[in-house]
PDB file of N, CA and C in Angstrom:
ATOM      1  N   MET A   1      -3.585 121.774  66.808  1.00  0.00           N
ATOM      2  CA  MET A   1      -3.393 123.116  67.759  1.00  0.00           C
ATOM      3  C   MET A   1      -4.112 124.411  66.876  1.00  0.00           C
ATOM      4  N   ALA A   2      -4.087 124.577  65.300  1.00  0.00           N
ATOM      5  CA  ALA A   2      -4.417 125.429  64.950  1.00  0.00           C
ATOM      6  C   ALA A   2      -5.844 125.505  65.034  1.00  0.00           C
ATOM      7  N   THR A   3      -6.522 123.912  65.117  1.00  0.00           N
ATOM      8  CA  THR A   3      -7.874 123.888  64.952  1.00  0.00           C
ATOM      9  C   THR A   3      -8.595 124.408  66.548  1.00  0.00           C
ATOM     10  N   ARG A   4      -7.871 124.141  67.351  1.00  0.00           N
ATOM     11  CA  ARG A   4      -8.183 124.414  68.849  1.00  0.00           C
ATOM     12  C   ARG A   4      -7.762 126.187  68.937  1.00  0.00           C
ATOM     13  N   LEU A   5      -7.149 126.525  68.309  1.00  0.00           N
ATOM     14  CA  LEU A   5      -7.002 128.060  68.703  1.00  0.00           C
ATOM     15  C   LEU A   5      -7.911 128.915  67.421  1.00  0.00           C
ATOM     16  N   ALA A   6      -8.889 127.990  66.757  1.00  0.00           N
ATOM     17  CA  ALA A   6      -9.432 128.801  65.799  1.00  0.00           C
ATOM     18  C   ALA A   6     -10.918 129.085  66.562  1.00  0.00           C
ATOM     19  N   THR A   7     -11.381 128.709  67.655  1.00  0.00           N
ATOM     20  CA  THR A   7     -12.310 128.654  68.336  1.00  0.00           C
ATOM     21  C   THR A   7     -12.422 129.815  69.274  1.00  0.00           C
ATOM     22  N   PRO A   8     -13.653 130.467  69.364  1.00  0.00           N
ATOM     23  CA  PRO A   8     -13.408 131.585  70.187  1.00  0.00           C
ATOM     24  C   PRO A   8     -12.714 131.127  71.640  1.00  0.00           C
ATOM     25  N   ALA A   9     -12.967 129.856  71.985  1.00  0.00           N
ATOM     26  CA  ALA A   9     -12.443 129.734  73.517  1.00  0.00           C
ATOM     27  C   ALA A   9     -10.843 129.394  73.517  1.00  0.00           C
ATOM     28  N   GLY A  10     -10.612 128.819  72.490  1.00  0.00           N
ATOM     29  CA  GLY A  10      -9.163 128.902  71.932  1.00  0.00           C
ATOM     30  C   GLY A  10      -8.165 130.086  71.900  1.00  0.00           C
ATOM     31  N   ARG A  11      -8.691 131.150  71.457  1.00  0.00           N
ATOM     32  CA  ARG A  11      -8.381 132.341  71.405  1.00  0.00           C
ATOM     33  C   ARG A  11      -8.271 132.977  72.740  1.00  0.00           C
ATOM     34  N   ALA A  12      -9.784 132.710  73.363  1.00  0.00           N
ATOM     35  CA  ALA A  12      -9.434 133.652  74.685  1.00  0.00           C
ATOM     36  C   ALA A  12      -8.106 133.042  75.601  1.00  0.00           C
ATOM     37  N   GLN A  13      -8.382 131.431  75.434  1.00  0.00           N
ATOM     38  CA  GLN A  13      -7.046 131.049  76.299  1.00  0.00           C
ATOM     39  C   GLN A  13      -5.696 131.151  76.456  1.00  0.00           C
ATOM     40  N   TYR A  14      -5.518 131.589  74.628  1.00  0.00           N
ATOM     41  CA  TYR A  14      -4.057 131.527  74.126  1.00  0.00           C
ATOM     42  C   TYR A  14      -3.624 133.095  74.462  1.00  0.00           C
ATOM     43  N   ARG A  15      -5.123 133.979  74.663  1.00  0.00           N
ATOM     44  CA  ARG A  15      -4.485 135.342  75.076  1.00  0.00           C
ATOM     45  C   ARG A  15      -3.951 135.442  76.531  1.00  0.00           C
ATOM     46  N   GLN A  16      -4.490 134.444  77.179  1.00  0.00           N
ATOM     47  CA  GLN A  16      -3.963 134.186  78.818  1.00  0.00           C
ATOM     48  C   GLN A  16      -2.541 134.173  78.947  1.00  0.00           C
ATOM     49  N   ARG A  17      -2.154 133.487  77.879  1.00  0.00           N
ATOM     50  CA  ARG A  17      -0.785 132.704  77.894  1.00  0.00           C
ATOM     51  C   ARG A  17       0.338 133.570  78.260  1.00  0.00           C
ATOM     52  N   SER A  18      -0.036 134.644  77.777  1.00  0.00           N
ATOM     53  CA  SER A  18       1.140 135.866  77.829  1.00  0.00           C
ATOM     54  C   SER A  18       1.065 136.278  78.969  1.00  0.00           C
ATOM     55  N   ALA A  19      -0.236 136.214  79.849  1.00  0.00           N
ATOM     56  CA  ALA A  19      -0.238 136.867  81.478  1.00  0.00           C
ATOM     57  C   ALA A  19       0.434 135.692  82.081  1.00  0.00           C
ATOM     58  N   LEU A  20       0.732 134.631  81.900  1.00  0.00           N
ATOM     59  CA  LEU A  20       0.309 133.483  82.940  1.00  0.00           C
ATOM     60  C   LEU A  20       1.651 132.747  82.552  1.00  0.00           C
ATOM     61  N   VAL A  21       1.938 132.492  81.263  1.00  0.00           N
ATOM     62  CA  VAL A  21       3.573 131.794  81.035  1.00  0.00           C
ATOM     63  C   VAL A  21       4.817 132.601  80.600  1.00  0.00           C
ATOM     64  N   GLU A  22       4.458 133.908  80.042  1.00  0.00           N
ATOM     65  CA  GLU A  22       5.578 134.553  80.015  1.00  0.00           C
ATOM     66  C   GLU A  22       6.171 135.381  80.724  1.00  0.00           C
ATOM     67  N   PRO A  23       5.667 135.753  81.869  1.00  0.00           N
ATOM     68  CA  PRO A  23       6.303 136.468  83.305  1.00  0.00           C
ATOM     69  C   PRO A  23       7.039 135.036  83.695  1.00  0.00           C
ATOM     70  N   GLY A  24       6.726 133.613  83.924  1.00  0.00           N
ATOM     71  CA  GLY A  24       7.625 133.227  84.686  1.00  0.00           C
ATOM     72  C   GLY A  24       8.995 132.335  83.828  1.00  0.00           C
ATOM     73  N   LEU A  25       8.788 132.368  82.449  1.00  0.00           N
ATOM     74  CA  LEU A  25       9.982 132.369  81.478  1.00  0.00           C
ATOM     75  C   LEU A  25      10.972 133.246  81.257  1.00  0.00           C
ATOM     76  N   ALA A  26      10.387 134.935  81.315  1.00  0.00           N
ATOM     77  CA  ALA A  26      11.214 135.935  81.032  1.00  0.00           C
ATOM     78  C   ALA A  26      12.545 135.812  81.944  1.00  0.00           C
ATOM     79  N   PRO A  27      12.013 135.744  83.334  1.00  0.00           N
ATOM     80  CA  PRO A  27      13.761 135.787  83.937  1.00  0.00           C
ATOM     81  C   PRO A  27      14.320 134.812  83.615  1.00  0.00           C
ATOM     82  N   LEU A  28      13.921 133.554  83.379  1.00  0.00           N
ATOM     83  CA  LEU A  28      15.051 132.497  83.207  1.00  0.00           C
ATOM     84  C   LEU A  28      15.760 132.750  81.915  1.00  0.00           C
ATOM     85  N   PHE A  29      15.107 133.243  80.821  1.00  0.00           N
ATOM     86  CA  PHE A  29      15.688 133.650  79.660  1.00  0.00           C
ATOM     87  C   PHE A  29      16.719 134.652  79.845  1.00  0.00           C
ATOM     88  N   GLN A  30      16.311 135.713  80.655  1.00  0.00           N
ATOM     89  CA  GLN A  30      17.318 137.126  80.762  1.00  0.00           C
ATOM     90  C   GLN A  30      18.028 136.255  81.649  1.00  0.00           C
ATOM     91  N   ARG A  31      18.361 135.445  82.564  1.00  0.00           N
ATOM     92  CA  ARG A  31      19.411 135.098  83.245  1.00  0.00           C
ATOM     93  C   ARG A  31      20.370 134.065  82.642  1.00  0.00           C
ATOM     94  N   PHE A  32      19.798 132.992  81.933  1.00  0.00           N
ATOM     95  CA  PHE A  32      20.550 131.771  81.593  1.00  0.00           C
ATOM     96  C   PHE A  32      20.553 132.015  79.948  1.00  0.00           C
ATOM     97  N   GLY A  33      19.812 132.764  79.485  1.00  0.00           N
ATOM     98  CA  GLY A  33      19.990 132.762  77.816  1.00  0.00           C
ATOM     99  C   GLY A  33      18.562 132.094  77.293  1.00  0.00           C
ATOM    100  N   ARG A  34      18.473 131.897  76.010  1.00  0.00           N
ATOM    101  CA  ARG A  34      17.340 131.223  75.374  1.00  0.00           C
ATOM    102  C   ARG A  34      17.885 129.849  75.142  1.00  0.00           C
ATOM    103  N   HIS A  35      19.043 129.375  74.930  1.00  0.00           N
ATOM    104  CA  HIS A  35      19.498 128.237  74.220  1.00  0.00           C
ATOM    105  C   HIS A  35      19.805 127.280  75.810  1.00  0.00           C
ATOM    106  N   LEU A  36      19.407 125.641  75.626  1.00  0.00           N
ATOM    107  CA  LEU A  36      19.517 124.765  76.342  1.00  0.00           C
ATOM    108  C   LEU A  36      20.846 123.830  76.016  1.00  0.00           C
ATOM    109  N   THR A  37      22.036 123.436  77.243  1.00  0.00           N
ATOM    110  CA  THR A  37      23.028 122.792  76.591  1.00  0.00           C
ATOM    111  C   THR A  37      22.432 121.195  76.356  1.00  0.00           C
ATOM    112  N   TYR A  38      21.217 120.667  76.694  1.00  0.00           N
ATOM    113  CA  TYR A  38      21.090 119.426  76.205  1.00  0.00           C
ATOM    114  C   TYR A  38      20.400 119.002  75.314  1.00  0.00           C
ATOM    115  N   ARG A  39      20.288 118.122  75.077  1.00  0.00           N
ATOM    116  CA  ARG A  39      19.568 117.487  73.783  1.00  0.00           C
ATOM    117  C   ARG A  39      18.349 116.553  74.122  1.00  0.00           C
ATOM    118  N   GLY A  40      17.271 116.208  73.955  1.00  0.00           N
ATOM    119  CA  GLY A  40      16.537 115.114  74.164  1.00  0.00           C
ATOM    120  C   GLY A  40      15.317 115.583  75.091  1.00  0.00           C
ATOM    121  N   HIS A  41      14.282 114.960  75.372  1.00  0.00           N
ATOM    122  CA  HIS A  41      13.187 115.109  75.767  1.00  0.00           C
ATOM    123  C   HIS A  41      13.344 115.109  77.508  1.00  0.00           C
ATOM    124  N   ARG A  42      14.048 114.254  78.114  1.00  0.00           N
ATOM    125  CA  ARG A  42      14.171 114.373  79.382  1.00  0.00           C
ATOM    126  C   ARG A  42      15.259 114.819  79.709  1.00  0.00           C
ATOM    127  N   ALA A  43      16.498 115.240  78.711  1.00  0.00           N
ATOM    128  CA  ALA A  43      17.653 116.005  79.211  1.00  0.00           C
ATOM    129  C   ALA A  43      16.737 117.531  79.143  1.00  0.00           C
ATOM    130  N   VAL A  44      16.304 118.184  78.333  1.00  0.00           N
ATOM    131  CA  VAL A  44      15.818 119.353  78.627  1.00  0.00           C
ATOM    132  C   VAL A  44      14.989 119.800  79.459  1.00  0.00           C
ATOM    133  N   ASP A  45      14.048 118.498  79.820  1.00  0.00           N
ATOM    134  CA  ASP A  45      13.161 118.604  81.171  1.00  0.00           C
ATOM    135  C   ASP A  45      13.895 118.674  82.491  1.00  0.00           C
ATOM    136  N   GLY A  46      14.814 118.033  82.399  1.00  0.00           N
ATOM    137  CA  GLY A  46      15.977 117.931  83.612  1.00  0.00           C
ATOM    138  C   GLY A  46      16.283 119.457  83.840  1.00  0.00           C
ATOM    139  N   GLU A  47      16.954 119.975  82.631  1.00  0.00           N
ATOM    140  CA  GLU A  47      17.542 121.038  82.339  1.00  0.00           C
ATOM    141  C   GLU A  47      16.398 122.539  82.880  1.00  0.00           C
ATOM    142  N   THR A  48      15.508 122.082  82.620  1.00  0.00           N
ATOM    143  CA  THR A  48      14.646 123.307  82.616  1.00  0.00           C
ATOM    144  C   THR A  48      14.073 123.599  84.142  1.00  0.00           C
ATOM    145  N   LYS A  49      13.884 122.066  84.772  1.00  0.00           N
ATOM    146  CA  LYS A  49      13.481 122.268  86.107  1.00  0.00           C
ATOM    147  C   LYS A  49      14.708 122.725  87.161  1.00  0.00           C
ATOM    148  N   LEU A  50      15.852 122.393  86.868  1.00  0.00           N
ATOM    149  CA  LEU A  50      17.284 122.919  87.437  1.00  0.00           C
ATOM    150  C   LEU A  50      17.121 124.516  87.347  1.00  0.00           C
ATOM    151  N   LEU A  51      16.856 124.862  85.870  1.00  0.00           N
ATOM    152  CA  LEU A  51      16.963 126.329  86.131  1.00  0.00           C
ATOM    153  C   LEU A  51      16.025 126.841  86.933  1.00  0.00           C
ATOM    154  N   GLY A  52      15.148 126.226  86.909  1.00  0.00           N
ATOM    155  CA  GLY A  52      13.776 127.034  87.370  1.00  0.00           C
ATOM    156  C   GLY A  52      13.958 126.623  89.134  1.00  0.00           C
ATOM    157  N   THR A  53      14.355 125.781  89.622  1.00  0.00           N
ATOM    158  CA  THR A  53      14.906 125.562  90.722  1.00  0.00           C
ATOM    159  C   THR A  53      16.047 126.533  91.405  1.00  0.00           C
ATOM    160  N   VAL A  54      16.993 126.761  90.786  1.00  0.00           N
ATOM    161  CA  VAL A  54      18.078 127.697  90.715  1.00  0.00           C
ATOM    162  C   VAL A  54      17.532 129.241  90.746  1.00  0.00           C
ATOM    163  N   HIS A  55      16.252 129.417  89.865  1.00  0.00           N
ATOM    164  CA  HIS A  55      16.001 130.832  90.076  1.00  0.00           C
ATOM    165  C   HIS A  55      14.861 131.071  91.227  1.00  0.00           C
ATOM    166  N   ASN A  56      14.202 129.838  91.487  1.00  0.00           N
ATOM    167  CA  ASN A  56      13.333 130.162  93.173  1.00  0.00           C
ATOM    168  C   ASN A  56      14.286 130.190  94.223  1.00  0.00           C
ATOM    169  N   LEU A  57      15.193 129.294  94.417  1.00  0.00           N
ATOM    170  CA  LEU A  57      16.194 129.416  95.358  1.00  0.00           C
ATOM    171  C   LEU A  57      16.879 130.889  95.347  1.00  0.00           C
ATOM    172  N   THR A  58      17.428 131.514  94.604  1.00  0.00           N
ATOM    173  CA  THR A  58      17.426 132.926  94.534  1.00  0.00           C
ATOM    174  C   THR A  58      16.563 134.244  94.822  1.00  0.00           C
ATOM    175  N   LYS A  59      15.240 133.483  94.465  1.00  0.00           N
ATOM    176  CA  LYS A  59      14.460 134.359  94.968  1.00  0.00           C
ATOM    177  C   LYS A  59      14.176 134.333  96.540  1.00  0.00           C
ATOM    178  N   LEU A  60      14.213 132.924  96.919  1.00  0.00           N
ATOM    179  CA  LEU A  60      14.196 133.038  98.280  1.00  0.00           C
ATOM    180  C   LEU A  60      15.344 133.360  99.232  1.00  0.00           C
ATOM    181  N   ILE A  61      16.547 133.155  98.943  1.00  0.00           N
ATOM    182  CA  ILE A  61      17.563 133.871  99.590  1.00  0.00           C
ATOM    183  C   ILE A  61      17.515 135.610  99.646  1.00  0.00           C
ATOM    184  N   ASN A  62      17.245 136.072  98.442  1.00  0.00           N
ATOM    185  CA  ASN A  62      17.227 137.450  98.180  1.00  0.00           C
ATOM    186  C   ASN A  62      15.890 137.776  99.231  1.00  0.00           C
ATOM    187  N   HIS A  63      15.003 137.100  99.260  1.00  0.00           N
ATOM    188  CA  HIS A  63      13.809 137.622  99.877  1.00  0.00           C
ATOM    189  C   HIS A  63      13.898 138.304 101.277  1.00  0.00           C
ATOM    190  N   THR A  64      13.384 139.560 100.970  1.00  0.00           N
ATOM    191  CA  THR A  64      13.255 140.435 102.772  1.00  0.00           C
ATOM    192  C   THR A  64      11.988 140.777 102.973  1.00  0.00           C
ATOM    193  N   PRO A  65      11.593 140.277 104.038  1.00  0.00           N
ATOM    194  CA  PRO A  65      10.076 140.150 104.525  1.00  0.00           C
ATOM    195  C   PRO A  65       9.621 141.605 104.891  1.00  0.00           C
ATOM    196  N   LYS A  66       8.374 141.723 104.327  1.00  0.00           N
ATOM    197  CA  LYS A  66       7.580 143.137 104.600  1.00  0.00           C
ATOM    198  C   LYS A  66       7.772 143.136 106.067  1.00  0.00           C
ATOM    199  N   SER A  67       7.876 144.653 106.387  1.00  0.00           N
ATOM    200  CA  SER A  67       7.493 144.716 108.015  1.00  0.00           C
ATOM    201  C   SER A  67       6.150 145.020 108.194  1.00  0.00           C
ATOM    202  N   GLY A  68       5.598 144.206 109.144  1.00  0.00           N
ATOM    203  CA  GLY A  68       4.272 144.397 109.480  1.00  0.00           C
ATOM    204  C   GLY A  68       4.138 145.521 110.361  1.00  0.00           C
ATOM    205  N   PRO A  69       2.581 145.528 110.770  1.00  0.00           N
ATOM    206  CA  PRO A  69       2.162 146.604 111.670  1.00  0.00           C
ATOM    207  C   PRO A  69       2.332 146.492 113.205  1.00  0.00           C
TER     208      PRO A  69
END
């Protein structure tokens, strides 16, 4: 990973990470905390997907459509 980040293209991609990944994770961390309950790759993957689903469903339920022209 360090070798890949040492290239100019790697640095440019890593800079974009904060704009792409962090805004998606920040609300999850704020709502559910930074620690996961389960251990192991499959369990953590399932818990992460469940938290993401809950977050997205909450956004859908609370969504108010914009009034059109």
